[in-house]
């Protein structure tokens, strides 16, 4: 089960510590899970699943169920984010706060692009 969590971490380019800080799930819980000493309780699993935009079932079983889109109600934003997933330098955008608009994302993309042009 932890392997699925690790795949999600790698895919998003984040660390377990960041998941801990942003979800409130204790590091000891994640460590116990990694070392096979148990599985986080359902409330913590739900926080982790929500954080990654997947179902709890996917997180536990790794079934072939597709990941859920990032939480938003804007279809245009969802399509835009899917397009950005193909750009490695944009992976940091996939942890946006709930309620971000397409305009918010576009501004963030412009900032990242401007930063990358400095190099």
PDB file of N, CA and C in Angstrom:
ATOM      1  N   UNK A   1       0.817  -1.202   0.000  1.00  0.00           N
ATOM      2  CA  UNK A   1       0.000   0.000   0.000  1.00  0.00           C
ATOM      3  C   UNK A   1       0.859   1.263   0.000  1.00  0.00           C
ATOM      4  N   UNK A   2       1.925   1.258   0.784  1.00  0.00           N
ATOM      5  CA  UNK A   2       2.767   2.446   0.855  1.00  0.00           C
ATOM      6  C   UNK A   2       3.392   2.753  -0.510  1.00  0.00           C
ATOM      7  N   UNK A   3       3.555   1.713  -1.330  1.00  0.00           N
ATOM      8  CA  UNK A   3       4.139   1.905  -2.650  1.00  0.00           C
ATOM      9  C   UNK A   3       3.305   2.879  -3.482  1.00  0.00           C
ATOM     10  N   UNK A   4       1.990   2.798  -3.352  1.00  0.00           N
ATOM     11  CA  UNK A   4       1.100   3.697  -4.086  1.00  0.00           C
ATOM     12  C   UNK A   4       1.328   5.128  -3.617  1.00  0.00           C
ATOM     13  N   UNK A   5       1.435   5.306  -2.310  1.00  0.00           N
ATOM     14  CA  UNK A   5       1.716   6.607  -1.723  1.00  0.00           C
ATOM     15  C   UNK A   5       3.045   7.141  -2.277  1.00  0.00           C
ATOM     16  N   UNK A   6       4.065   6.286  -2.319  1.00  0.00           N
ATOM     17  CA  UNK A   6       5.367   6.708  -2.841  1.00  0.00           C
ATOM     18  C   UNK A   6       5.289   7.102  -4.316  1.00  0.00           C
ATOM     19  N   UNK A   7       4.497   6.367  -5.085  1.00  0.00           N
ATOM     20  CA  UNK A   7       4.332   6.716  -6.499  1.00  0.00           C
ATOM     21  C   UNK A   7       3.691   8.091  -6.639  1.00  0.00           C
ATOM     22  N   UNK A   8       2.693   8.360  -5.815  1.00  0.00           N
ATOM     23  CA  UNK A   8       2.042   9.667  -5.857  1.00  0.00           C
ATOM     24  C   UNK A   8       3.012  10.776  -5.451  1.00  0.00           C
ATOM     25  N   UNK A   9       3.836  10.511  -4.445  1.00  0.00           N
ATOM     26  CA  UNK A   9       4.845  11.487  -4.028  1.00  0.00           C
ATOM     27  C   UNK A   9       5.790  11.794  -5.189  1.00  0.00           C
ATOM     28  N   UNK A  10       6.272  10.740  -5.814  1.00  0.00           N
ATOM     29  CA  UNK A  10       7.237  10.905  -6.906  1.00  0.00           C
ATOM     30  C   UNK A  10       6.602  11.632  -8.087  1.00  0.00           C
ATOM     31  N   UNK A  11       5.394  11.233  -8.436  1.00  0.00           N
ATOM     32  CA  UNK A  11       4.691  11.837  -9.567  1.00  0.00           C
ATOM     33  C   UNK A  11       4.483  13.326  -9.350  1.00  0.00           C
ATOM     34  N   UNK A  12       4.218  13.723  -8.110  1.00  0.00           N
ATOM     35  CA  UNK A  12       3.952  15.134  -7.807  1.00  0.00           C
ATOM     36  C   UNK A  12       5.209  15.892  -7.386  1.00  0.00           C
ATOM     37  N   UNK A  13       6.300  15.158  -7.157  1.00  0.00           N
ATOM     38  CA  UNK A  13       7.547  15.810  -6.765  1.00  0.00           C
ATOM     39  C   UNK A  13       7.496  16.413  -5.381  1.00  0.00           C
ATOM     40  N   UNK A  14       6.868  15.701  -4.448  1.00  0.00           N
ATOM     41  CA  UNK A  14       6.770  16.203  -3.080  1.00  0.00           C
ATOM     42  C   UNK A  14       7.285  15.159  -2.097  1.00  0.00           C
ATOM     43  N   UNK A  15       7.449  15.565  -0.857  1.00  0.00           N
ATOM     44  CA  UNK A  15       7.989  14.680   0.175  1.00  0.00           C
ATOM     45  C   UNK A  15       6.911  14.286   1.177  1.00  0.00           C
ATOM     46  N   UNK A  16       7.144  13.189   1.913  1.00  0.00           N
ATOM     47  CA  UNK A  16       6.197  12.825   2.977  1.00  0.00           C
ATOM     48  C   UNK A  16       6.070  13.950   4.018  1.00  0.00           C
ATOM     49  N   UNK A  17       7.172  14.643   4.276  1.00  0.00           N
ATOM     50  CA  UNK A  17       7.131  15.742   5.242  1.00  0.00           C
ATOM     51  C   UNK A  17       6.143  16.817   4.788  1.00  0.00           C
ATOM     52  N   UNK A  18       6.165  17.125   3.511  1.00  0.00           N
ATOM     53  CA  UNK A  18       5.229  18.131   2.990  1.00  0.00           C
ATOM     54  C   UNK A  18       3.783  17.662   3.139  1.00  0.00           C
ATOM     55  N   UNK A  19       3.542  16.376   2.860  1.00  0.00           N
ATOM     56  CA  UNK A  19       2.196  15.826   3.047  1.00  0.00           C
ATOM     57  C   UNK A  19       1.785  15.986   4.510  1.00  0.00           C
ATOM     58  N   UNK A  20       2.694  15.656   5.402  1.00  0.00           N
ATOM     59  CA  UNK A  20       2.436  15.816   6.838  1.00  0.00           C
ATOM     60  C   UNK A  20       2.072  17.263   7.172  1.00  0.00           C
ATOM     61  N   UNK A  21       2.872  18.209   6.698  1.00  0.00           N
ATOM     62  CA  UNK A  21       2.636  19.621   7.020  1.00  0.00           C
ATOM     63  C   UNK A  21       1.319  20.135   6.445  1.00  0.00           C
ATOM     64  N   UNK A  22       0.982  19.684   5.237  1.00  0.00           N
ATOM     65  CA  UNK A  22      -0.194  20.227   4.562  1.00  0.00           C
ATOM     66  C   UNK A  22      -1.491  19.489   4.882  1.00  0.00           C
ATOM     67  N   UNK A  23      -1.380  18.279   5.439  1.00  0.00           N
ATOM     68  CA  UNK A  23      -2.595  17.525   5.775  1.00  0.00           C
ATOM     69  C   UNK A  23      -2.802  17.376   7.276  1.00  0.00           C
ATOM     70  N   UNK A  24      -1.722  17.544   8.043  1.00  0.00           N
ATOM     71  CA  UNK A  24      -1.826  17.327   9.485  1.00  0.00           C
ATOM     72  C   UNK A  24      -1.690  15.868   9.892  1.00  0.00           C
ATOM     73  N   UNK A  25      -1.454  14.993   8.927  1.00  0.00           N
ATOM     74  CA  UNK A  25      -1.249  13.576   9.249  1.00  0.00           C
ATOM     75  C   UNK A  25       0.153  13.449   9.850  1.00  0.00           C
ATOM     76  N   UNK A  26       0.250  12.927  11.076  1.00  0.00           N
ATOM     77  CA  UNK A  26       1.557  12.858  11.745  1.00  0.00           C
ATOM     78  C   UNK A  26       2.600  12.073  10.946  1.00  0.00           C
ATOM     79  N   UNK A  27       3.838  12.531  11.024  1.00  0.00           N
ATOM     80  CA  UNK A  27       4.931  11.830  10.349  1.00  0.00           C
ATOM     81  C   UNK A  27       5.054  10.409  10.880  1.00  0.00           C
ATOM     82  N   UNK A  28       4.798  10.220  12.160  1.00  0.00           N
ATOM     83  CA  UNK A  28       4.893   8.875  12.740  1.00  0.00           C
ATOM     84  C   UNK A  28       3.884   7.929  12.100  1.00  0.00           C
ATOM     85  N   UNK A  29       2.719   8.449  11.743  1.00  0.00           N
ATOM     86  CA  UNK A  29       1.706   7.636  11.071  1.00  0.00           C
ATOM     87  C   UNK A  29       2.217   7.200   9.703  1.00  0.00           C
ATOM     88  N   UNK A  30       2.798   8.147   8.960  1.00  0.00           N
ATOM     89  CA  UNK A  30       3.337   7.825   7.637  1.00  0.00           C
ATOM     90  C   UNK A  30       4.512   6.856   7.751  1.00  0.00           C
ATOM     91  N   UNK A  31       5.352   7.040   8.769  1.00  0.00           N
ATOM     92  CA  UNK A  31       6.498   6.163   8.993  1.00  0.00           C
ATOM     93  C   UNK A  31       6.043   4.743   9.346  1.00  0.00           C
ATOM     94  N   UNK A  32       5.040   4.646  10.221  1.00  0.00           N
ATOM     95  CA  UNK A  32       4.506   3.325  10.579  1.00  0.00           C
ATOM     96  C   UNK A  32       3.944   2.634   9.347  1.00  0.00           C
ATOM     97  N   UNK A  33       3.266   3.397   8.527  1.00  0.00           N
ATOM     98  CA  UNK A  33       2.696   2.855   7.294  1.00  0.00           C
ATOM     99  C   UNK A  33       3.817   2.353   6.384  1.00  0.00           C
ATOM    100  N   UNK A  34       4.859   3.152   6.250  1.00  0.00           N
ATOM    101  CA  UNK A  34       5.986   2.771   5.402  1.00  0.00           C
ATOM    102  C   UNK A  34       6.646   1.489   5.888  1.00  0.00           C
ATOM    103  N   UNK A  35       6.777   1.356   7.194  1.00  0.00           N
ATOM    104  CA  UNK A  35       7.463   0.205   7.780  1.00  0.00           C
ATOM    105  C   UNK A  35       6.547  -0.989   8.029  1.00  0.00           C
ATOM    106  N   UNK A  36       5.327  -0.924   7.520  1.00  0.00           N
ATOM    107  CA  UNK A  36       4.417  -2.055   7.633  1.00  0.00           C
ATOM    108  C   UNK A  36       3.833  -2.267   9.012  1.00  0.00           C
ATOM    109  N   UNK A  37       3.849  -1.236   9.825  1.00  0.00           N
ATOM    110  CA  UNK A  37       3.311  -1.359  11.187  1.00  0.00           C
ATOM    111  C   UNK A  37       1.862  -0.903  11.271  1.00  0.00           C
ATOM    112  N   UNK A  38       1.205  -0.857  10.152  1.00  0.00           N
ATOM    113  CA  UNK A  38      -0.194  -0.459  10.160  1.00  0.00           C
ATOM    114  C   UNK A  38      -0.527   0.433   8.987  1.00  0.00           C
ATOM    115  N   UNK A  39      -1.776   0.809   8.956  1.00  0.00           N
ATOM    116  CA  UNK A  39      -2.314   1.688   7.921  1.00  0.00           C
ATOM    117  C   UNK A  39      -2.969   2.864   8.633  1.00  0.00           C
ATOM    118  N   UNK A  40      -2.827   4.072   8.111  1.00  0.00           N
ATOM    119  CA  UNK A  40      -3.501   5.211   8.749  1.00  0.00           C
ATOM    120  C   UNK A  40      -5.002   4.955   8.880  1.00  0.00           C
ATOM    121  N   UNK A  41      -5.576   5.500   9.918  1.00  0.00           N
ATOM    122  CA  UNK A  41      -7.029   5.389  10.115  1.00  0.00           C
ATOM    123  C   UNK A  41      -7.744   6.081   8.958  1.00  0.00           C
ATOM    124  N   UNK A  42      -9.003   5.722   8.788  1.00  0.00           N
ATOM    125  CA  UNK A  42      -9.768   6.178   7.628  1.00  0.00           C
ATOM    126  C   UNK A  42      -9.785   7.700   7.484  1.00  0.00           C
ATOM    127  N   UNK A  43      -9.868   8.437   8.595  1.00  0.00           N
ATOM    128  CA  UNK A  43      -9.895   9.894   8.482  1.00  0.00           C
ATOM    129  C   UNK A  43      -8.582  10.434   7.921  1.00  0.00           C
ATOM    130  N   UNK A  44      -7.479   9.809   8.320  1.00  0.00           N
ATOM    131  CA  UNK A  44      -6.176  10.244   7.812  1.00  0.00           C
ATOM    132  C   UNK A  44      -5.976   9.788   6.368  1.00  0.00           C
ATOM    133  N   UNK A  45      -6.445   8.584   6.055  1.00  0.00           N
ATOM    134  CA  UNK A  45      -6.389   8.120   4.673  1.00  0.00           C
ATOM    135  C   UNK A  45      -7.173   9.058   3.757  1.00  0.00           C
ATOM    136  N   UNK A  46      -8.325   9.506   4.245  1.00  0.00           N
ATOM    137  CA  UNK A  46      -9.145  10.415   3.444  1.00  0.00           C
ATOM    138  C   UNK A  46      -8.420  11.731   3.211  1.00  0.00           C
ATOM    139  N   UNK A  47      -7.730  12.239   4.232  1.00  0.00           N
ATOM    140  CA  UNK A  47      -6.962  13.478   4.066  1.00  0.00           C
ATOM    141  C   UNK A  47      -5.862  13.307   3.021  1.00  0.00           C
ATOM    142  N   UNK A  48      -5.182  12.159   3.081  1.00  0.00           N
ATOM    143  CA  UNK A  48      -4.111  11.891   2.127  1.00  0.00           C
ATOM    144  C   UNK A  48      -4.684  11.738   0.719  1.00  0.00           C
ATOM    145  N   UNK A  49      -5.776  10.986   0.612  1.00  0.00           N
ATOM    146  CA  UNK A  49      -6.420  10.787  -0.691  1.00  0.00           C
ATOM    147  C   UNK A  49      -6.880  12.127  -1.271  1.00  0.00           C
ATOM    148  N   UNK A  50      -7.524  12.951  -0.451  1.00  0.00           N
ATOM    149  CA  UNK A  50      -7.970  14.268  -0.912  1.00  0.00           C
ATOM    150  C   UNK A  50      -6.792  15.125  -1.360  1.00  0.00           C
ATOM    151  N   UNK A  51      -5.717  15.055  -0.603  1.00  0.00           N
ATOM    152  CA  UNK A  51      -4.525  15.834  -0.923  1.00  0.00           C
ATOM    153  C   UNK A  51      -4.004  15.490  -2.320  1.00  0.00           C
ATOM    154  N   UNK A  52      -4.012  14.192  -2.651  1.00  0.00           N
ATOM    155  CA  UNK A  52      -3.502  13.753  -3.947  1.00  0.00           C
ATOM    156  C   UNK A  52      -4.558  13.718  -5.034  1.00  0.00           C
ATOM    157  N   UNK A  53      -5.817  13.937  -4.655  1.00  0.00           N
ATOM    158  CA  UNK A  53      -6.882  13.898  -5.649  1.00  0.00           C
ATOM    159  C   UNK A  53      -7.206  12.494  -6.115  1.00  0.00           C
ATOM    160  N   UNK A  54      -7.097  11.525  -5.213  1.00  0.00           N
ATOM    161  CA  UNK A  54      -7.427  10.136  -5.522  1.00  0.00           C
ATOM    162  C   UNK A  54      -8.469   9.653  -4.521  1.00  0.00           C
ATOM    163  N   UNK A  55      -9.000   8.463  -4.767  1.00  0.00           N
ATOM    164  CA  UNK A  55      -9.928   7.873  -3.811  1.00  0.00           C
ATOM    165  C   UNK A  55      -9.143   7.116  -2.756  1.00  0.00           C
ATOM    166  N   UNK A  56      -9.768   6.877  -1.623  1.00  0.00           N
ATOM    167  CA  UNK A  56      -9.145   6.065  -0.577  1.00  0.00           C
ATOM    168  C   UNK A  56      -8.889   4.666  -1.125  1.00  0.00           C
ATOM    169  N   UNK A  57      -9.838   4.151  -1.895  1.00  0.00           N
ATOM    170  CA  UNK A  57      -9.681   2.826  -2.483  1.00  0.00           C
ATOM    171  C   UNK A  57      -8.434   2.760  -3.358  1.00  0.00           C
ATOM    172  N   UNK A  58      -8.206   3.777  -4.157  1.00  0.00           N
ATOM    173  CA  UNK A  58      -7.000   3.810  -4.991  1.00  0.00           C
ATOM    174  C   UNK A  58      -5.761   3.843  -4.113  1.00  0.00           C
ATOM    175  N   UNK A  59      -5.783   4.647  -3.080  1.00  0.00           N
ATOM    176  CA  UNK A  59      -4.642   4.787  -2.194  1.00  0.00           C
ATOM    177  C   UNK A  59      -4.307   3.459  -1.508  1.00  0.00           C
ATOM    178  N   UNK A  60      -5.310   2.712  -1.120  1.00  0.00           N
ATOM    179  CA  UNK A  60      -5.089   1.447  -0.422  1.00  0.00           C
ATOM    180  C   UNK A  60      -4.806   0.299  -1.384  1.00  0.00           C
ATOM    181  N   UNK A  61      -5.623   0.183  -2.406  1.00  0.00           N
ATOM    182  CA  UNK A  61      -5.565  -0.990  -3.279  1.00  0.00           C
ATOM    183  C   UNK A  61      -4.827  -0.760  -4.585  1.00  0.00           C
ATOM    184  N   UNK A  62      -4.677   0.490  -4.981  1.00  0.00           N
ATOM    185  CA  UNK A  62      -4.005   0.784  -6.232  1.00  0.00           C
ATOM    186  C   UNK A  62      -4.748   0.271  -7.446  1.00  0.00           C
ATOM    187  N   UNK A  63      -6.068   0.171  -7.299  1.00  0.00           N
ATOM    188  CA  UNK A  63      -6.829  -0.304  -8.447  1.00  0.00           C
ATOM    189  C   UNK A  63      -6.631   0.650  -9.612  1.00  0.00           C
ATOM    190  N   UNK A  64      -7.096   0.280 -10.770  1.00  0.00           N
ATOM    191  CA  UNK A  64      -6.856   1.071 -11.971  1.00  0.00           C
ATOM    192  C   UNK A  64      -7.763   2.278 -12.094  1.00  0.00           C
ATOM    193  N   UNK A  65      -8.463   2.584 -11.043  1.00  0.00           N
ATOM    194  CA  UNK A  65      -9.357   3.741 -11.068  1.00  0.00           C
ATOM    195  C   UNK A  65      -8.534   4.989 -11.324  1.00  0.00           C
ATOM    196  N   UNK A  66      -8.999   5.813 -12.234  1.00  0.00           N
ATOM    197  CA  UNK A  66      -8.293   7.053 -12.541  1.00  0.00           C
ATOM    198  C   UNK A  66      -8.300   7.986 -11.351  1.00  0.00           C
ATOM    199  N   UNK A  67      -7.259   8.794 -11.270  1.00  0.00           N
ATOM    200  CA  UNK A  67      -7.232   9.819 -10.246  1.00  0.00           C
ATOM    201  C   UNK A  67      -8.360  10.802 -10.495  1.00  0.00           C
ATOM    202  N   UNK A  68      -8.921  11.311  -9.406  1.00  0.00           N
ATOM    203  CA  UNK A  68      -9.942  12.340  -9.535  1.00  0.00           C
ATOM    204  C   UNK A  68      -9.258  13.636  -9.926  1.00  0.00           C
ATOM    205  N   UNK A  69      -9.942  14.523 -10.634  1.00  0.00           N
ATOM    206  CA  UNK A  69      -9.325  15.808 -10.947  1.00  0.00           C
ATOM    207  C   UNK A  69      -9.126  16.609  -9.666  1.00  0.00           C
ATOM    208  N   UNK A  70      -8.239  17.582  -9.713  1.00  0.00           N
ATOM    209  CA  UNK A  70      -8.059  18.463  -8.575  1.00  0.00           C
ATOM    210  C   UNK A  70      -9.401  19.079  -8.202  1.00  0.00           C
ATOM    211  N   UNK A  71      -9.563  19.347  -6.915  1.00  0.00           N
ATOM    212  CA  UNK A  71     -10.852  19.825  -6.426  1.00  0.00           C
ATOM    213  C   UNK A  71     -11.125  21.234  -6.946  1.00  0.00           C
ATOM    214  N   UNK A  72     -12.094  21.333  -7.817  1.00  0.00           N
ATOM    215  CA  UNK A  72     -12.573  22.621  -8.300  1.00  0.00           C
ATOM    216  C   UNK A  72     -13.837  22.356  -9.097  1.00  0.00           C
ATOM    217  N   UNK A  73     -14.571  23.376  -9.364  1.00  0.00           N
ATOM    218  CA  UNK A  73     -15.811  23.242 -10.111  1.00  0.00           C
ATOM    219  C   UNK A  73     -15.713  23.897 -11.473  1.00  0.00           C
ATOM    220  N   UNK A  74     -14.506  24.181 -11.915  1.00  0.00           N
ATOM    221  CA  UNK A  74     -14.283  24.895 -13.149  1.00  0.00           C
ATOM    222  C   UNK A  74     -13.733  23.932 -14.200  1.00  0.00           C
ATOM    223  N   UNK A  75     -14.576  23.541 -15.140  1.00  0.00           N
ATOM    224  CA  UNK A  75     -14.175  22.574 -16.158  1.00  0.00           C
ATOM    225  C   UNK A  75     -13.014  23.103 -16.994  1.00  0.00           C
ATOM    226  N   UNK A  76     -13.038  24.390 -17.300  1.00  0.00           N
ATOM    227  CA  UNK A  76     -11.964  24.997 -18.079  1.00  0.00           C
ATOM    228  C   UNK A  76     -10.636  24.919 -17.318  1.00  0.00           C
ATOM    229  N   UNK A  77     -10.690  25.145 -16.001  1.00  0.00           N
ATOM    230  CA  UNK A  77      -9.486  25.052 -15.176  1.00  0.00           C
ATOM    231  C   UNK A  77      -8.967  23.618 -15.172  1.00  0.00           C
ATOM    232  N   UNK A  78      -9.853  22.663 -15.042  1.00  0.00           N
ATOM    233  CA  UNK A  78      -9.442  21.261 -15.034  1.00  0.00           C
ATOM    234  C   UNK A  78      -8.721  20.904 -16.325  1.00  0.00           C
ATOM    235  N   UNK A  79      -9.261  21.327 -17.466  1.00  0.00           N
ATOM    236  CA  UNK A  79      -8.622  21.060 -18.753  1.00  0.00           C
ATOM    237  C   UNK A  79      -7.251  21.736 -18.826  1.00  0.00           C
ATOM    238  N   UNK A  80      -7.170  22.960 -18.335  1.00  0.00           N
ATOM    239  CA  UNK A  80      -5.910  23.699 -18.353  1.00  0.00           C
ATOM    240  C   UNK A  80      -4.863  22.986 -17.495  1.00  0.00           C
ATOM    241  N   UNK A  81      -5.263  22.513 -16.322  1.00  0.00           N
ATOM    242  CA  UNK A  81      -4.335  21.802 -15.439  1.00  0.00           C
ATOM    243  C   UNK A  81      -3.874  20.493 -16.066  1.00  0.00           C
ATOM    244  N   UNK A  82      -4.772  19.801 -16.749  1.00  0.00           N
ATOM    245  CA  UNK A  82      -4.385  18.563 -17.434  1.00  0.00           C
ATOM    246  C   UNK A  82      -3.315  18.857 -18.485  1.00  0.00           C
ATOM    247  N   UNK A  83      -3.470  19.957 -19.187  1.00  0.00           N
ATOM    248  CA  UNK A  83      -2.474  20.357 -20.194  1.00  0.00           C
ATOM    249  C   UNK A  83      -1.131  20.660 -19.525  1.00  0.00           C
ATOM    250  N   UNK A  84      -1.175  21.309 -18.380  1.00  0.00           N
ATOM    251  CA  UNK A  84       0.062  21.676 -17.683  1.00  0.00           C
ATOM    252  C   UNK A  84       0.799  20.462 -17.119  1.00  0.00           C
ATOM    253  N   UNK A  85       0.085  19.375 -16.857  1.00  0.00           N
ATOM    254  CA  UNK A  85       0.720  18.175 -16.299  1.00  0.00           C
ATOM    255  C   UNK A  85       1.833  17.643 -17.196  1.00  0.00           C
ATOM    256  N   UNK A  86       1.787  17.981 -18.460  1.00  0.00           N
ATOM    257  CA  UNK A  86       2.815  17.496 -19.378  1.00  0.00           C
ATOM    258  C   UNK A  86       4.092  18.321 -19.279  1.00  0.00           C
ATOM    259  N   UNK A  87       4.065  19.406 -18.539  1.00  0.00           N
ATOM    260  CA  UNK A  87       5.229  20.281 -18.416  1.00  0.00           C
ATOM    261  C   UNK A  87       5.874  20.080 -17.049  1.00  0.00           C
ATOM    262  N   UNK A  88       7.037  19.414 -16.998  1.00  0.00           N
ATOM    263  CA  UNK A  88       7.664  19.087 -15.715  1.00  0.00           C
ATOM    264  C   UNK A  88       7.902  20.296 -14.811  1.00  0.00           C
ATOM    265  N   UNK A  89       8.217  21.431 -15.406  1.00  0.00           N
ATOM    266  CA  UNK A  89       8.499  22.613 -14.578  1.00  0.00           C
ATOM    267  C   UNK A  89       7.250  23.179 -13.914  1.00  0.00           C
ATOM    268  N   UNK A  90       6.101  22.662 -14.270  1.00  0.00           N
ATOM    269  CA  UNK A  90       4.845  23.172 -13.714  1.00  0.00           C
ATOM    270  C   UNK A  90       4.249  22.266 -12.642  1.00  0.00           C
ATOM    271  N   UNK A  91       4.942  21.176 -12.261  1.00  0.00           N
ATOM    272  CA  UNK A  91       4.330  20.222 -11.349  1.00  0.00           C
ATOM    273  C   UNK A  91       3.999  20.819  -9.980  1.00  0.00           C
ATOM    274  N   UNK A  92       4.662  21.887  -9.599  1.00  0.00           N
ATOM    275  CA  UNK A  92       4.367  22.511  -8.301  1.00  0.00           C
ATOM    276  C   UNK A  92       2.951  23.093  -8.251  1.00  0.00           C
ATOM    277  N   UNK A  93       2.366  23.330  -9.384  1.00  0.00           N
ATOM    278  CA  UNK A  93       1.037  23.942  -9.423  1.00  0.00           C
ATOM    279  C   UNK A  93      -0.069  22.981  -9.002  1.00  0.00           C
ATOM    280  N   UNK A  94       0.236  21.705  -8.893  1.00  0.00           N
ATOM    281  CA  UNK A  94      -0.813  20.731  -8.637  1.00  0.00           C
ATOM    282  C   UNK A  94      -1.172  20.595  -7.172  1.00  0.00           C
ATOM    283  N   UNK A  95      -0.678  21.486  -6.359  1.00  0.00           N
ATOM    284  CA  UNK A  95      -1.066  21.531  -4.961  1.00  0.00           C
ATOM    285  C   UNK A  95      -1.718  22.873  -4.659  1.00  0.00           C
ATOM    286  N   UNK A  96      -2.444  23.384  -5.630  1.00  0.00           N
ATOM    287  CA  UNK A  96      -3.106  24.673  -5.481  1.00  0.00           C
ATOM    288  C   UNK A  96      -4.174  24.611  -4.398  1.00  0.00           C
ATOM    289  N   UNK A  97      -4.404  25.736  -3.787  1.00  0.00           N
ATOM    290  CA  UNK A  97      -5.465  25.821  -2.780  1.00  0.00           C
ATOM    291  C   UNK A  97      -6.823  25.625  -3.434  1.00  0.00           C
ATOM    292  N   UNK A  98      -7.733  25.063  -2.664  1.00  0.00           N
ATOM    293  CA  UNK A  98      -9.097  24.907  -3.178  1.00  0.00           C
ATOM    294  C   UNK A  98      -9.646  26.278  -3.526  1.00  0.00           C
ATOM    295  N   UNK A  99     -10.410  26.306  -4.585  1.00  0.00           N
ATOM    296  CA  UNK A  99     -11.043  27.560  -4.966  1.00  0.00           C
ATOM    297  C   UNK A  99     -10.243  28.394  -5.944  1.00  0.00           C
ATOM    298  N   UNK A 100      -9.084  27.876  -6.407  1.00  0.00           N
ATOM    299  CA  UNK A 100      -8.301  28.629  -7.387  1.00  0.00           C
ATOM    300  C   UNK A 100      -9.082  28.725  -8.689  1.00  0.00           C
ATOM    301  N   UNK A 101      -8.954  29.853  -9.331  1.00  0.00           N
ATOM    302  CA  UNK A 101      -9.618  30.049 -10.618  1.00  0.00           C
ATOM    303  C   UNK A 101      -8.604  29.829 -11.736  1.00  0.00           C
ATOM    304  N   UNK A 102      -9.096  29.752 -12.950  1.00  0.00           N
ATOM    305  CA  UNK A 102      -8.185  29.616 -14.084  1.00  0.00           C
ATOM    306  C   UNK A 102      -7.250  30.819 -14.146  1.00  0.00           C
ATOM    307  N   UNK A 103      -7.761  31.987 -13.825  1.00  0.00           N
ATOM    308  CA  UNK A 103      -6.927  33.191 -13.840  1.00  0.00           C
ATOM    309  C   UNK A 103      -5.807  33.081 -12.795  1.00  0.00           C
ATOM    310  N   UNK A 104      -6.119  32.536 -11.618  1.00  0.00           N
ATOM    311  CA  UNK A 104      -5.095  32.338 -10.593  1.00  0.00           C
ATOM    312  C   UNK A 104      -3.980  31.433 -11.110  1.00  0.00           C
ATOM    313  N   UNK A 105      -4.376  30.348 -11.757  1.00  0.00           N
ATOM    314  CA  UNK A 105      -3.401  29.395 -12.284  1.00  0.00           C
ATOM    315  C   UNK A 105      -2.583  30.044 -13.391  1.00  0.00           C
ATOM    316  N   UNK A 106      -3.228  30.783 -14.277  1.00  0.00           N
ATOM    317  CA  UNK A 106      -2.502  31.450 -15.361  1.00  0.00           C
ATOM    318  C   UNK A 106      -1.464  32.425 -14.808  1.00  0.00           C
ATOM    319  N   UNK A 107      -1.819  33.156 -13.756  1.00  0.00           N
ATOM    320  CA  UNK A 107      -0.854  34.072 -13.135  1.00  0.00           C
ATOM    321  C   UNK A 107       0.334  33.303 -12.578  1.00  0.00           C
ATOM    322  N   UNK A 108       0.049  32.170 -11.909  1.00  0.00           N
ATOM    323  CA  UNK A 108       1.121  31.360 -11.337  1.00  0.00           C
ATOM    324  C   UNK A 108       2.029  30.804 -12.441  1.00  0.00           C
ATOM    325  N   UNK A 109       1.450  30.376 -13.543  1.00  0.00           N
ATOM    326  CA  UNK A 109       2.231  29.863 -14.673  1.00  0.00           C
ATOM    327  C   UNK A 109       3.143  30.958 -15.201  1.00  0.00           C
ATOM    328  N   UNK A 110       2.624  32.163 -15.359  1.00  0.00           N
ATOM    329  CA  UNK A 110       3.442  33.277 -15.861  1.00  0.00           C
ATOM    330  C   UNK A 110       4.607  33.571 -14.918  1.00  0.00           C
ATOM    331  N   UNK A 111       4.370  33.482 -13.626  1.00  0.00           N
ATOM    332  CA  UNK A 111       5.429  33.719 -12.647  1.00  0.00           C
ATOM    333  C   UNK A 111       6.510  32.652 -12.794  1.00  0.00           C
ATOM    334  N   UNK A 112       6.100  31.389 -12.890  1.00  0.00           N
ATOM    335  CA  UNK A 112       7.076  30.294 -13.035  1.00  0.00           C
ATOM    336  C   UNK A 112       7.840  30.439 -14.333  1.00  0.00           C
ATOM    337  N   UNK A 113       7.135  30.751 -15.420  1.00  0.00           N
ATOM    338  CA  UNK A 113       7.813  30.926 -16.711  1.00  0.00           C
ATOM    339  C   UNK A 113       8.808  32.077 -16.670  1.00  0.00           C
ATOM    340  N   UNK A 114       8.440  33.176 -16.038  1.00  0.00           N
ATOM    341  CA  UNK A 114       9.351  34.316 -15.925  1.00  0.00           C
ATOM    342  C   UNK A 114      10.575  33.943 -15.102  1.00  0.00           C
ATOM    343  N   UNK A 115      10.351  33.196 -14.041  1.00  0.00           N
ATOM    344  CA  UNK A 115      11.460  32.747 -13.188  1.00  0.00           C
ATOM    345  C   UNK A 115      12.402  31.854 -13.973  1.00  0.00           C
ATOM    346  N   UNK A 116      11.857  30.949 -14.776  1.00  0.00           N
ATOM    347  CA  UNK A 116      12.689  30.024 -15.558  1.00  0.00           C
ATOM    348  C   UNK A 116      13.468  30.742 -16.645  1.00  0.00           C
ATOM    349  N   UNK A 117      12.958  31.843 -17.163  1.00  0.00           N
ATOM    350  CA  UNK A 117      13.642  32.588 -18.206  1.00  0.00           C
ATOM    351  C   UNK A 117      14.894  33.304 -17.666  1.00  0.00           C
ATOM    352  N   UNK A 118      14.927  33.530 -16.349  1.00  0.00           N
ATOM    353  CA  UNK A 118      16.067  34.207 -15.740  1.00  0.00           C
ATOM    354  C   UNK A 118      17.339  33.382 -15.849  1.00  0.00           C
ATOM    355  N   UNK A 119      17.191  32.058 -15.954  1.00  0.00           N
ATOM    356  CA  UNK A 119      18.359  31.167 -16.016  1.00  0.00           C
ATOM    357  C   UNK A 119      18.994  31.221 -17.324  1.00  0.00           C
TER     358      UNK A 119
END
